[in-house]
């Protein structure tokens, strides 16, 4: 599931804060900006890496190891999924609120309090012995960890000269994405030795190191300003409530099924009511939490739509490849090679983006990524029960690379759009980028999980209808499955029952394989549709530009 995005900002933190306040409230006069950095400040680079790993692992160590954690807590898979819902239900809304806190009270106080709270909550997490308390602490951790992605970006931006701000943004963003594959590689030993508490030990250690690092390696000072205005409380309450309910629906609907659980529908309806009231409350406010006029501009609508499209496509990496291997009996400790390949593909995609920055030839990365996803879907659409993790190395490397290319392109184009607008929409862009990326990932995973479950049910019903004791092939298969139990036990009835159970298990497994193949084919179709939509949007933009600059439409000279 897939991961949170970092913020986009300029290299000079003071200038960023001042410009971001435009359209909010008058700021206090800023101190003189320090001399610009002309080289690589390695302490800031290392601090950014530490913060990025703290954020990525803090989020993904639990999300990537739910089967092991649910066993330790004695919970079902549906109950354990509340750990994911609780984290994101507070993490995504908090991004917006904490951004204003940062400008209201200052970055120094902001960093110390939030990282310190993250550390304290990690210690508290060790005292939880049942699912309810673990969910509560997980929600609190989501709230406390919301600003760490922003700090990851800010430290990397300060580490490089202002001319290299785009490079810094891509590198920091890439660091944040490494938490997902890395969490699956390192978590097995922690779970084996200390059960789920072992994951928390690592989270606490990283939080403590991060707290020390941000106090030793200090960011440039930034001025404080009046960021909160009257009406923010009501606006944030509606926004946070609607977002939390929507996240709960996305995390739980595929487990409880959409139409079989009444409270799923109640939560979804209430979420839309909250969003509607929030839009009504914020639309004409002079200083809204999110500038809804800017959010509904053509560029941002395309940006959000593209983000949801590609995050849904990329969800086939977790719902498709990883979950498919889980269904065949392979778990994280047996797929280290696959996760290392995914990590390598993620890094390679960001390296391609870095190489394209000087020439500014990254505008076609979206179309290239969609073509790669289409190819990957065709490659993975012929899986069998004999498919193994090493059979997916090439396809998952390409899919991870495509995901990195696309998100790098989105970050670069969104950042340039914010800069062109005078940075006055920085807070809104932070909320859209960080919250939107996580929400799009949850949406994609929920939709794909629902699709796989539905197709598994259809295929199982079709295969089961074809099984009849009057069929010679079925009887022959039952005799083959009965041979081994008959040698171990003289009880013929028990051997027959075991053979029937084995046949049912094989039918279930085959229906799952067919469902995942259907998923790959559906993703190929979706990628093709997305590719042509991207081309259509670009053609429309070029056409409008050509018409507006043609002599026939130019004003006639007097």
Protein backbone atom coordinates (compact mmCIF):
# COMPACT_ATOMS: atom_id res chain seq x y z
CA UNK A 1 0.00 0.00 0.00
CA UNK A 2 0.78 1.15 -0.61
CA UNK A 3 3.19 5.22 0.95
CA UNK A 4 2.98 9.20 2.19
CA UNK A 5 4.51 11.90 -0.03
CA UNK A 6 6.75 14.76 1.06
CA UNK A 7 6.03 18.46 0.70
CA UNK A 8 7.27 20.77 -2.05
CA UNK A 9 9.09 23.93 -1.00
CA UNK A 10 11.92 26.30 -1.97
CA UNK A 11 15.47 25.91 -0.68
CA UNK A 12 15.32 28.98 1.56
CA UNK A 13 13.03 28.09 4.48
CA UNK A 14 12.50 31.71 5.47
CA UNK A 15 11.44 32.70 1.99
CA UNK A 16 9.18 29.67 1.74
CA UNK A 17 7.33 30.52 4.93
CA UNK A 18 6.87 34.16 4.01
CA UNK A 19 5.62 33.42 0.51
CA UNK A 20 3.34 30.65 1.74
CA UNK A 21 1.60 33.11 4.00
CA UNK A 22 0.38 35.16 1.08
CA UNK A 23 -3.39 34.93 1.06
CA UNK A 24 -3.41 33.97 4.74
CA UNK A 25 -2.62 36.72 7.24
CA UNK A 26 0.05 39.41 7.42
CA UNK A 27 3.34 37.97 8.59
CA UNK A 28 5.83 39.38 11.02
CA UNK A 29 8.89 40.90 9.44
CA UNK A 30 11.39 38.22 8.55
CA UNK A 31 15.02 38.34 9.71
CA UNK A 32 17.74 38.70 7.16
CA UNK A 33 18.20 35.49 5.23
CA UNK A 34 21.49 33.70 5.84
CA UNK A 35 24.00 33.27 3.08
CA UNK A 36 22.95 30.72 0.51
CA UNK A 37 24.55 27.30 0.67
CA UNK A 38 26.87 26.69 -2.29
CA UNK A 39 27.80 23.05 -1.62
CA UNK A 40 26.37 19.87 -0.17
CA UNK A 41 25.82 20.09 3.58
CA UNK A 42 26.16 16.42 4.49
CA UNK A 43 24.79 16.68 8.07
CA UNK A 44 21.49 17.90 6.57
CA UNK A 45 21.54 15.09 4.00
CA UNK A 46 22.04 12.46 6.70
CA UNK A 47 19.34 14.00 8.88
CA UNK A 48 16.93 13.99 5.95
CA UNK A 49 17.68 10.32 5.29
CA UNK A 50 17.13 9.48 8.97
CA UNK A 51 13.81 11.34 9.06
CA UNK A 52 12.67 9.74 5.81
CA UNK A 53 13.40 6.24 7.11
CA UNK A 54 11.69 7.06 10.41
CA UNK A 55 8.56 8.12 8.55
CA UNK A 56 8.58 5.29 6.02
CA UNK A 57 9.29 2.49 8.47
CA UNK A 58 7.00 3.92 11.16
CA UNK A 59 4.11 3.76 8.71
CA UNK A 60 4.91 0.54 6.85
CA UNK A 61 6.33 -1.81 9.49
CA UNK A 62 2.80 -2.42 10.76
CA UNK A 63 0.98 -2.12 7.42
CA UNK A 64 3.31 -4.64 5.76
CA UNK A 65 3.13 -7.22 8.56
CA UNK A 66 -0.53 -7.45 9.50
CA UNK A 67 -0.66 -11.29 9.38
CA UNK A 68 2.14 -11.59 11.95
CA UNK A 69 0.77 -8.79 14.12
CA UNK A 70 -2.79 -10.10 14.16
CA UNK A 71 -1.51 -13.42 15.44
CA UNK A 72 0.30 -11.72 18.32
CA UNK A 73 -2.81 -9.71 19.23
CA UNK A 74 -5.23 -12.60 18.71
CA UNK A 75 -7.19 -10.65 16.09
CA UNK A 76 -8.80 -11.54 12.79
CA UNK A 77 -7.62 -10.00 9.54
CA UNK A 78 -10.61 -7.63 9.48
CA UNK A 79 -9.88 -6.51 13.06
CA UNK A 80 -6.17 -6.04 12.35
CA UNK A 81 -6.98 -3.79 9.38
CA UNK A 82 -8.22 -1.23 11.92
CA UNK A 83 -4.55 -0.59 12.69
CA UNK A 84 -4.12 0.72 9.14
CA UNK A 85 -7.37 2.69 9.23
CA UNK A 86 -6.53 4.30 12.58
CA UNK A 87 -3.11 5.49 11.42
CA UNK A 88 -4.26 7.13 8.20
CA UNK A 89 -7.50 8.48 9.69
CA UNK A 90 -5.41 10.83 11.83
CA UNK A 91 -2.29 11.14 9.68
CA UNK A 92 -3.91 12.52 6.52
CA UNK A 93 -6.08 15.24 8.16
CA UNK A 94 -3.24 16.23 10.53
CA UNK A 95 -1.06 17.27 7.59
CA UNK A 96 -3.24 20.30 7.00
CA UNK A 97 -3.53 21.30 10.66
CA UNK A 98 0.14 20.84 11.52
CA UNK A 99 1.25 22.91 8.54
CA UNK A 100 -0.56 25.89 10.07
CA UNK A 101 0.85 25.10 13.52
CA UNK A 102 4.31 25.25 11.98
CA UNK A 103 3.75 28.77 10.67
CA UNK A 104 1.96 29.90 13.84
CA UNK A 105 4.52 28.78 16.42
CA UNK A 106 7.74 28.24 14.51
CA UNK A 107 9.67 25.33 13.08
CA UNK A 108 11.94 24.81 16.10
CA UNK A 109 9.07 24.26 18.53
CA UNK A 110 7.13 22.38 15.91
CA UNK A 111 9.90 19.85 15.26
CA UNK A 112 10.79 19.23 18.92
CA UNK A 113 7.21 18.70 20.03
CA UNK A 114 6.10 16.44 17.18
CA UNK A 115 9.19 14.21 17.09
CA UNK A 116 9.21 14.04 20.90
CA UNK A 117 5.54 13.06 20.88
CA UNK A 118 6.31 10.41 18.27
CA UNK A 119 8.97 8.95 20.60
CA UNK A 120 6.73 9.00 23.69
CA UNK A 121 3.86 7.33 21.84
CA UNK A 122 6.23 4.66 20.59
CA UNK A 123 7.13 3.86 24.21
CA UNK A 124 3.45 3.80 25.13
CA UNK A 125 2.83 1.38 22.26
CA UNK A 126 4.95 -1.25 24.09
CA UNK A 127 2.44 -1.32 26.94
CA UNK A 128 -0.50 -2.31 24.78
CA UNK A 129 -1.59 -5.91 25.25
CA UNK A 130 -4.80 -6.02 23.23
CA UNK A 131 -6.15 -4.79 19.94
CA UNK A 132 -8.18 -1.83 21.25
CA UNK A 133 -5.25 -0.09 22.90
CA UNK A 134 -3.01 -0.84 19.93
CA UNK A 135 -5.53 0.86 17.61
CA UNK A 136 -5.68 3.94 19.88
CA UNK A 137 -1.90 4.26 20.02
CA UNK A 138 -1.67 3.71 16.27
CA UNK A 139 -4.07 6.61 15.70
CA UNK A 140 -1.98 8.82 17.98
CA UNK A 141 1.18 7.83 16.12
CA UNK A 142 -0.45 8.80 12.83
CA UNK A 143 -1.11 12.26 14.25
CA UNK A 144 2.41 12.67 15.64
CA UNK A 145 4.22 11.43 12.51
CA UNK A 146 2.38 13.70 10.05
CA UNK A 147 5.10 16.41 9.92
CA UNK A 148 8.09 14.11 9.49
CA UNK A 149 7.73 13.95 5.70
CA UNK A 150 7.81 17.76 5.58
CA UNK A 151 10.94 17.82 7.71
CA UNK A 152 12.54 15.24 5.43
CA UNK A 153 12.02 17.59 2.53
CA UNK A 154 13.12 20.73 4.35
CA UNK A 155 16.40 19.24 5.56
CA UNK A 156 17.23 17.99 2.07
CA UNK A 157 16.33 21.37 0.56
CA UNK A 158 18.70 23.10 2.96
CA UNK A 159 21.45 20.59 2.21
CA UNK A 160 21.72 21.65 -1.44
CA UNK A 161 22.06 25.03 -3.16
CA UNK A 162 18.89 26.80 -4.22
CA UNK A 163 19.63 25.98 -7.87
CA UNK A 164 19.39 22.29 -6.95
CA UNK A 165 16.01 22.56 -5.19
CA UNK A 166 14.29 20.23 -7.66
CA UNK A 167 17.04 17.63 -7.21
CA UNK A 168 16.63 17.89 -3.43
CA UNK A 169 12.86 17.47 -3.67
CA UNK A 170 13.16 14.31 -5.78
CA UNK A 171 15.85 12.78 -3.55
CA UNK A 172 13.81 13.42 -0.39
CA UNK A 173 10.68 12.07 -2.03
CA UNK A 174 12.57 8.94 -3.07
CA UNK A 175 13.82 8.36 0.48
CA UNK A 176 10.24 8.43 1.76
CA UNK A 177 9.21 5.77 -0.78
CA UNK A 178 11.85 3.30 0.37
CA UNK A 179 10.06 2.56 3.62
CA UNK A 180 7.60 0.14 2.02
CA UNK A 181 10.01 -2.43 0.46
CA UNK A 182 12.55 -2.01 3.28
CA UNK A 183 9.91 -2.70 5.95
CA UNK A 184 9.17 -6.11 4.43
CA UNK A 185 12.84 -7.07 4.29
CA UNK A 186 13.90 -6.21 7.86
CA UNK A 187 10.72 -7.05 9.77
CA UNK A 188 10.87 -10.84 9.91
CA UNK A 189 13.67 -11.10 12.48
CA UNK A 190 11.98 -8.46 14.62
CA UNK A 191 8.69 -10.36 14.59
CA UNK A 192 10.33 -13.71 15.32
CA UNK A 193 12.39 -12.48 18.27
CA UNK A 194 9.97 -10.07 19.95
CA UNK A 195 6.64 -10.55 18.18
CA UNK A 196 5.00 -7.24 17.26
CA UNK A 197 6.89 -5.36 20.00
CA UNK A 198 10.08 -5.82 17.99
CA UNK A 199 8.69 -3.51 15.32
CA UNK A 200 7.98 -0.89 17.98
CA UNK A 201 11.53 -1.10 19.36
CA UNK A 202 12.87 -0.07 15.98
CA UNK A 203 10.31 2.74 15.68
CA UNK A 204 11.31 4.09 19.11
CA UNK A 205 15.02 3.95 18.28
CA UNK A 206 14.55 5.84 15.02
CA UNK A 207 12.37 8.45 16.73
CA UNK A 208 15.00 9.01 19.43
CA UNK A 209 17.77 9.37 16.82
CA UNK A 210 15.60 11.79 14.84
CA UNK A 211 14.90 13.90 17.91
CA UNK A 212 18.62 14.16 18.62
CA UNK A 213 19.46 14.90 14.98
CA UNK A 214 17.04 17.81 14.53
CA UNK A 215 18.43 19.43 17.69
CA UNK A 216 22.06 19.01 16.62
CA UNK A 217 21.56 19.86 12.96
CA UNK A 218 19.34 22.95 13.00
CA UNK A 219 17.32 24.32 10.13
CA UNK A 220 17.49 28.00 9.25
CA UNK A 221 15.24 30.14 11.47
CA UNK A 222 11.91 31.15 10.04
CA UNK A 223 9.55 33.93 11.15
CA UNK A 224 6.31 33.10 12.89
CA UNK A 225 3.02 34.57 11.77
CA UNK A 226 -0.69 34.49 12.47
CA UNK A 227 -1.71 31.40 10.49
CA UNK A 228 -4.93 30.44 12.31
CA UNK A 229 -8.04 32.49 11.69
CA UNK A 230 -11.60 32.44 12.95
CA UNK A 231 -13.53 29.50 11.54
CA UNK A 232 -10.53 27.17 11.21
CA UNK A 233 -11.81 24.97 14.04
CA UNK A 234 -15.14 24.24 12.42
CA UNK A 235 -13.57 23.80 8.99
CA UNK A 236 -10.94 21.38 10.25
CA UNK A 237 -13.50 19.45 12.30
CA UNK A 238 -15.67 18.84 9.23
CA UNK A 239 -12.64 18.02 7.05
CA UNK A 240 -11.07 15.65 9.58
CA UNK A 241 -14.35 13.86 10.34
CA UNK A 242 -15.18 13.34 6.67
CA UNK A 243 -11.65 12.18 5.86
CA UNK A 244 -11.48 9.78 8.82
CA UNK A 245 -14.83 8.18 7.91
CA UNK A 246 -13.81 7.84 4.27
CA UNK A 247 -10.53 6.17 5.24
CA UNK A 248 -12.35 3.75 7.55
CA UNK A 249 -14.66 2.80 4.68
CA UNK A 250 -11.75 2.23 2.30
CA UNK A 251 -9.83 0.16 4.86
CA UNK A 252 -12.78 -1.96 6.01
CA UNK A 253 -15.19 -2.27 3.08
CA UNK A 254 -13.38 -5.09 1.28
CA UNK A 255 -13.15 -7.10 4.53
CA UNK A 256 -16.79 -6.64 5.57
CA UNK A 257 -18.04 -6.24 1.98
CA UNK A 258 -19.58 -3.04 0.74
CA UNK A 259 -23.25 -3.97 0.62
CA UNK A 260 -23.36 -6.53 3.45
CA UNK A 261 -22.55 -4.20 6.36
CA UNK A 262 -24.94 -1.31 7.08
CA UNK A 263 -22.44 0.79 9.03
CA UNK A 264 -20.18 0.97 5.95
CA UNK A 265 -22.94 2.80 4.09
CA UNK A 266 -23.66 5.06 7.07
CA UNK A 267 -19.99 6.05 7.35
CA UNK A 268 -19.73 6.73 3.62
CA UNK A 269 -22.89 8.86 3.55
CA UNK A 270 -21.77 10.81 6.64
CA UNK A 271 -18.36 11.42 5.07
CA UNK A 272 -19.91 12.97 1.97
CA UNK A 273 -22.18 15.15 4.14
CA UNK A 274 -19.13 16.38 6.09
CA UNK A 275 -17.25 17.14 2.89
CA UNK A 276 -20.25 19.02 1.51
CA UNK A 277 -20.59 21.11 4.68
CA UNK A 278 -16.84 21.73 4.66
CA UNK A 279 -16.96 22.99 1.07
CA UNK A 280 -19.92 25.26 1.91
CA UNK A 281 -18.09 26.60 4.97
CA UNK A 282 -14.75 27.18 3.25
CA UNK A 283 -15.76 28.29 -0.25
CA UNK A 284 -16.04 32.02 0.42
CA UNK A 285 -13.80 32.36 3.49
CA UNK A 286 -11.00 34.89 2.97
CA UNK A 287 -8.37 32.62 4.55
CA UNK A 288 -9.53 28.99 4.12
CA UNK A 289 -7.68 25.91 5.28
CA UNK A 290 -7.47 24.76 1.65
CA UNK A 291 -8.09 27.13 -1.24
CA UNK A 292 -10.99 25.28 -2.87
CA UNK A 293 -11.03 27.65 -5.86
CA UNK A 294 -7.44 26.68 -6.62
CA UNK A 295 -8.16 23.01 -5.83
CA UNK A 296 -10.92 22.91 -8.45
CA UNK A 297 -8.81 24.64 -11.11
CA UNK A 298 -8.24 22.61 -14.31
CA UNK A 299 -4.59 21.88 -13.48
CA UNK A 300 -5.32 20.60 -9.98
CA UNK A 301 -8.26 18.48 -11.14
CA UNK A 302 -5.98 16.85 -13.71
CA UNK A 303 -3.27 16.47 -11.04
CA UNK A 304 -5.62 14.76 -8.57
CA UNK A 305 -7.17 12.57 -11.26
CA UNK A 306 -3.76 11.44 -12.51
CA UNK A 307 -2.65 10.70 -8.94
CA UNK A 308 -5.68 8.49 -8.26
CA UNK A 309 -5.31 6.75 -11.62
CA UNK A 310 -1.69 5.82 -11.16
CA UNK A 311 -1.92 4.96 -7.48
CA UNK A 312 -4.73 2.56 -8.40
CA UNK A 313 -2.56 1.02 -11.10
CA UNK A 314 0.43 0.76 -8.80
CA UNK A 315 -1.69 -0.93 -6.13
CA UNK A 316 -1.38 -4.11 -8.19
CA UNK A 317 2.10 -4.39 -6.68
CA UNK A 318 0.69 -5.02 -3.20
CA UNK A 319 -2.80 -6.34 -3.98
CA UNK A 320 -1.56 -8.16 -7.07
CA UNK A 321 1.98 -9.49 -6.77
CA UNK A 322 2.47 -9.60 -2.99
CA UNK A 323 -1.04 -10.78 -2.07
CA UNK A 324 -0.95 -13.32 -4.90
CA UNK A 325 2.26 -14.79 -3.51
CA UNK A 326 0.70 -14.81 -0.02
CA UNK A 327 -2.21 -16.84 -1.37
CA UNK A 328 0.27 -19.40 -2.72
CA UNK A 329 1.97 -19.71 0.67
CA UNK A 330 4.87 -17.26 0.28
CA UNK A 331 5.35 -14.57 2.90
CA UNK A 332 7.76 -11.72 3.55
CA UNK A 333 10.66 -13.90 4.73
CA UNK A 334 10.50 -15.90 1.47
CA UNK A 335 10.27 -12.84 -0.78
CA UNK A 336 13.27 -10.77 0.27
CA UNK A 337 14.65 -10.98 -3.26
CA UNK A 338 11.40 -9.64 -4.71
CA UNK A 339 11.33 -6.70 -2.30
CA UNK A 340 14.97 -5.89 -3.03
CA UNK A 341 14.11 -5.81 -6.73
CA UNK A 342 11.15 -3.51 -6.01
CA UNK A 343 13.43 -1.21 -4.01
CA UNK A 344 15.96 -1.16 -6.84
CA UNK A 345 13.24 -0.31 -9.34
CA UNK A 346 12.04 2.54 -7.12
CA UNK A 347 15.55 4.00 -6.93
CA UNK A 348 16.12 3.60 -10.68
CA UNK A 349 12.91 5.46 -11.51
CA UNK A 350 13.92 8.43 -9.38
CA UNK A 351 17.42 8.40 -10.91
CA UNK A 352 15.81 8.70 -14.34
CA UNK A 353 13.83 11.68 -13.07
CA UNK A 354 16.98 13.33 -11.69
CA UNK A 355 18.73 12.83 -15.03
CA UNK A 356 15.81 14.47 -16.85
CA UNK A 357 15.65 17.63 -14.71
CA UNK A 358 18.42 19.63 -16.49
CA UNK A 359 16.82 19.11 -19.90
CA UNK A 360 13.27 19.46 -18.49
CA UNK A 361 12.24 16.41 -20.53
CA UNK A 362 10.10 14.84 -17.86
CA UNK A 363 6.70 15.89 -19.19
CA UNK A 364 6.30 12.55 -21.02
CA UNK A 365 7.15 10.45 -17.95
CA UNK A 366 3.44 9.93 -17.30
CA UNK A 367 2.80 8.41 -20.72
CA UNK A 368 5.97 6.29 -20.52
CA UNK A 369 4.97 5.04 -17.06
CA UNK A 370 1.51 4.04 -18.31
CA UNK A 371 3.03 2.12 -21.23
CA UNK A 372 5.31 0.29 -18.77
CA UNK A 373 2.33 -0.55 -16.54
CA UNK A 374 0.47 -1.89 -19.58
CA UNK A 375 3.42 -4.15 -20.45
CA UNK A 376 3.75 -5.32 -16.84
CA UNK A 377 0.05 -6.18 -16.66
CA UNK A 378 0.34 -8.32 -19.79
CA UNK A 379 3.45 -10.03 -18.40
CA UNK A 380 1.72 -10.93 -15.12
CA UNK A 381 -1.59 -11.91 -16.68
CA UNK A 382 -0.61 -15.55 -17.25
CA UNK A 383 0.24 -16.68 -13.72
CA UNK A 384 -0.32 -20.25 -12.54
CA UNK A 385 -0.17 -22.09 -9.23
CA UNK A 386 3.47 -22.81 -10.07
CA UNK A 387 4.40 -19.11 -10.29
CA UNK A 388 7.13 -18.19 -7.81
CA UNK A 389 8.47 -14.83 -6.54
CA UNK A 390 11.51 -14.93 -8.83
CA UNK A 391 9.16 -15.16 -11.82
CA UNK A 392 7.96 -11.64 -10.95
CA UNK A 393 11.35 -9.93 -10.65
CA UNK A 394 11.34 -8.26 -14.06
CA UNK A 395 7.71 -7.15 -14.02
CA UNK A 396 7.84 -5.77 -10.47
CA UNK A 397 11.11 -3.93 -11.15
CA UNK A 398 9.44 -2.24 -14.11
CA UNK A 399 6.29 -1.45 -12.12
CA UNK A 400 8.29 0.12 -9.27
CA UNK A 401 10.31 2.11 -11.80
CA UNK A 402 7.12 3.34 -13.50
CA UNK A 403 5.67 4.39 -10.14
CA UNK A 404 8.78 6.42 -9.28
CA UNK A 405 8.84 8.08 -12.70
CA UNK A 406 5.20 9.07 -12.46
CA UNK A 407 5.35 10.42 -8.90
CA UNK A 408 8.54 12.34 -9.70
CA UNK A 409 6.83 13.91 -12.70
CA UNK A 410 3.78 14.81 -10.60
CA UNK A 411 5.98 16.34 -7.91
CA UNK A 412 8.00 18.39 -10.42
CA UNK A 413 5.01 19.68 -12.36
CA UNK A 414 3.01 20.43 -9.20
CA UNK A 415 5.98 22.21 -7.65
CA UNK A 416 6.51 24.35 -10.73
CA UNK A 417 2.80 25.19 -10.80
CA UNK A 418 2.94 26.36 -7.16
CA UNK A 419 6.07 28.43 -7.87
CA UNK A 420 4.41 30.04 -10.89
CA UNK A 421 1.51 31.05 -8.65
CA UNK A 422 3.79 32.90 -6.24
CA UNK A 423 3.87 30.12 -3.60
CA UNK A 424 0.59 31.37 -2.08
CA UNK A 425 -0.94 27.88 -2.48
CA UNK A 426 1.90 26.06 -0.75
CA UNK A 427 -0.16 24.91 2.26
CA UNK A 428 -2.93 23.68 -0.02
CA UNK A 429 -0.41 21.84 -2.19
CA UNK A 430 1.11 20.19 0.90
CA UNK A 431 -2.31 18.89 1.92
CA UNK A 432 -3.13 17.64 -1.59
CA UNK A 433 0.25 15.98 -2.18
CA UNK A 434 0.71 14.29 1.19
CA UNK A 435 -2.91 13.46 1.94
CA UNK A 436 -3.89 12.80 -1.67
CA UNK A 437 -1.08 10.29 -2.25
CA UNK A 438 -1.97 8.23 0.80
CA UNK A 439 -5.70 8.46 0.12
CA UNK A 440 -5.20 7.45 -3.51
CA UNK A 441 -3.16 4.43 -2.40
CA UNK A 442 -5.88 3.35 0.05
CA UNK A 443 -8.52 3.85 -2.63
CA UNK A 444 -6.57 1.79 -5.16
CA UNK A 445 -5.92 -1.06 -2.74
CA UNK A 446 -9.55 -1.14 -1.62
CA UNK A 447 -10.89 -1.20 -5.19
CA UNK A 448 -8.45 -3.86 -6.36
CA UNK A 449 -9.03 -6.05 -3.28
CA UNK A 450 -12.77 -5.85 -3.90
CA UNK A 451 -12.29 -6.78 -7.55
CA UNK A 452 -10.10 -9.79 -6.69
CA UNK A 453 -12.58 -11.06 -4.09
CA UNK A 454 -15.48 -10.74 -6.51
CA UNK A 455 -13.64 -12.49 -9.34
CA UNK A 456 -12.49 -15.25 -6.97
CA UNK A 457 -16.10 -15.88 -5.99
CA UNK A 458 -17.21 -16.01 -9.64
CA UNK A 459 -14.43 -18.40 -10.68
CA UNK A 460 -14.97 -20.64 -7.65
CA UNK A 461 -18.68 -20.95 -8.41
CA UNK A 462 -17.90 -21.78 -12.04
CA UNK A 463 -15.27 -24.40 -11.19
CA UNK A 464 -17.39 -25.94 -8.42
CA UNK A 465 -20.35 -26.33 -10.78
CA UNK A 466 -18.13 -28.42 -13.02
CA UNK A 467 -17.28 -30.90 -10.26
CA UNK A 468 -19.49 -33.96 -10.25
CA UNK A 469 -18.93 -37.41 -8.83
CA UNK A 470 -20.28 -38.80 -12.07
CA UNK A 471 -17.38 -37.22 -13.96
CA UNK A 472 -14.60 -39.82 -14.52
CA UNK A 473 -11.89 -37.16 -14.33
CA UNK A 474 -13.17 -35.96 -10.96
CA UNK A 475 -13.26 -39.52 -9.60
CA UNK A 476 -9.77 -40.16 -10.90
CA UNK A 477 -8.47 -37.01 -9.18
CA UNK A 478 -10.15 -37.98 -5.90
CA UNK A 479 -8.52 -41.41 -6.01
CA UNK A 480 -5.12 -39.80 -6.57
CA UNK A 481 -5.64 -37.46 -3.60
CA UNK A 482 -6.90 -40.36 -1.47
CA UNK A 483 -3.84 -42.51 -2.09
CA UNK A 484 -1.52 -40.85 0.42
CA UNK A 485 -4.03 -40.63 3.33
CA UNK A 486 -4.95 -44.29 2.74
CA UNK A 487 -1.35 -45.34 3.25
CA UNK A 488 -1.18 -43.41 6.54
CA UNK A 489 -4.55 -44.47 7.95
CA UNK A 490 -6.68 -47.61 7.42
CA UNK A 491 -9.85 -45.54 7.89
CA UNK A 492 -11.31 -45.29 4.38
CA UNK A 493 -13.92 -42.67 5.36
CA UNK A 494 -11.26 -40.34 6.83
CA UNK A 495 -9.10 -40.72 3.72
CA UNK A 496 -12.08 -39.86 1.51
CA UNK A 497 -12.83 -36.74 3.54
CA UNK A 498 -9.21 -35.59 3.32
CA UNK A 499 -9.20 -36.15 -0.42
CA UNK A 500 -12.38 -34.10 -0.83
CA UNK A 501 -10.93 -31.31 1.32
CA UNK A 502 -7.73 -31.32 -0.77
CA UNK A 503 -9.73 -31.08 -3.98
CA UNK A 504 -11.74 -28.15 -2.58
CA UNK A 505 -8.49 -26.43 -1.59
CA UNK A 506 -7.09 -26.87 -5.08
CA UNK A 507 -10.27 -25.46 -6.63
CA UNK A 508 -10.07 -22.45 -4.30
CA UNK A 509 -6.41 -21.89 -5.15
CA UNK A 510 -7.10 -22.13 -8.87
CA UNK A 511 -9.96 -19.63 -8.59
CA UNK A 512 -7.62 -17.21 -6.80
CA UNK A 513 -5.02 -17.56 -9.57
CA UNK A 514 -7.65 -16.89 -12.21
CA UNK A 515 -8.88 -13.82 -10.27
CA UNK A 516 -5.38 -12.33 -10.14
CA UNK A 517 -4.98 -12.92 -13.87
CA UNK A 518 -8.27 -11.06 -14.38
CA UNK A 519 -6.86 -8.24 -12.25
CA UNK A 520 -3.78 -7.97 -14.47
CA UNK A 521 -5.94 -7.82 -17.60
CA UNK A 522 -8.15 -5.15 -16.03
CA UNK A 523 -5.08 -3.08 -15.12
CA UNK A 524 -3.85 -3.36 -18.70
CA UNK A 525 -7.15 -1.95 -19.95
CA UNK A 526 -7.08 0.84 -17.35
CA UNK A 527 -3.49 1.74 -18.24
CA UNK A 528 -4.41 1.92 -21.94
CA UNK A 529 -7.38 4.17 -21.18
CA UNK A 530 -5.17 6.39 -19.02
CA UNK A 531 -2.54 6.62 -21.76
CA UNK A 532 -5.03 7.86 -24.34
CA UNK A 533 -6.57 10.28 -21.83
CA UNK A 534 -3.13 11.74 -21.14
CA UNK A 535 -2.50 12.17 -24.85
CA UNK A 536 -5.93 13.75 -25.35
CA UNK A 537 -5.34 16.28 -22.56
CA UNK A 538 -1.93 17.21 -23.96
CA UNK A 539 -3.28 17.50 -27.49
CA UNK A 540 -6.06 19.78 -26.23
CA UNK A 541 -3.49 21.96 -24.46
CA UNK A 542 -1.30 22.20 -27.55
CA UNK A 543 -4.33 22.98 -29.71
CA UNK A 544 -5.49 25.79 -27.43
CA UNK A 545 -1.96 27.20 -27.29
CA UNK A 546 -1.67 27.13 -31.09
CA UNK A 547 -5.05 28.80 -31.57
CA UNK A 548 -4.33 31.54 -29.03
CA UNK A 549 -1.00 32.40 -30.68
CA UNK A 550 -2.10 32.14 -34.32
CA UNK A 551 -2.20 35.41 -36.36
CA UNK A 552 -5.91 34.94 -37.08
CA UNK A 553 -6.77 35.28 -33.39
CA UNK A 554 -4.27 38.03 -32.61
CA UNK A 555 -5.58 41.61 -32.11
CA UNK A 556 -5.39 43.63 -35.30
CA UNK A 557 -2.98 46.54 -35.30
CA UNK A 558 -4.55 50.01 -35.34
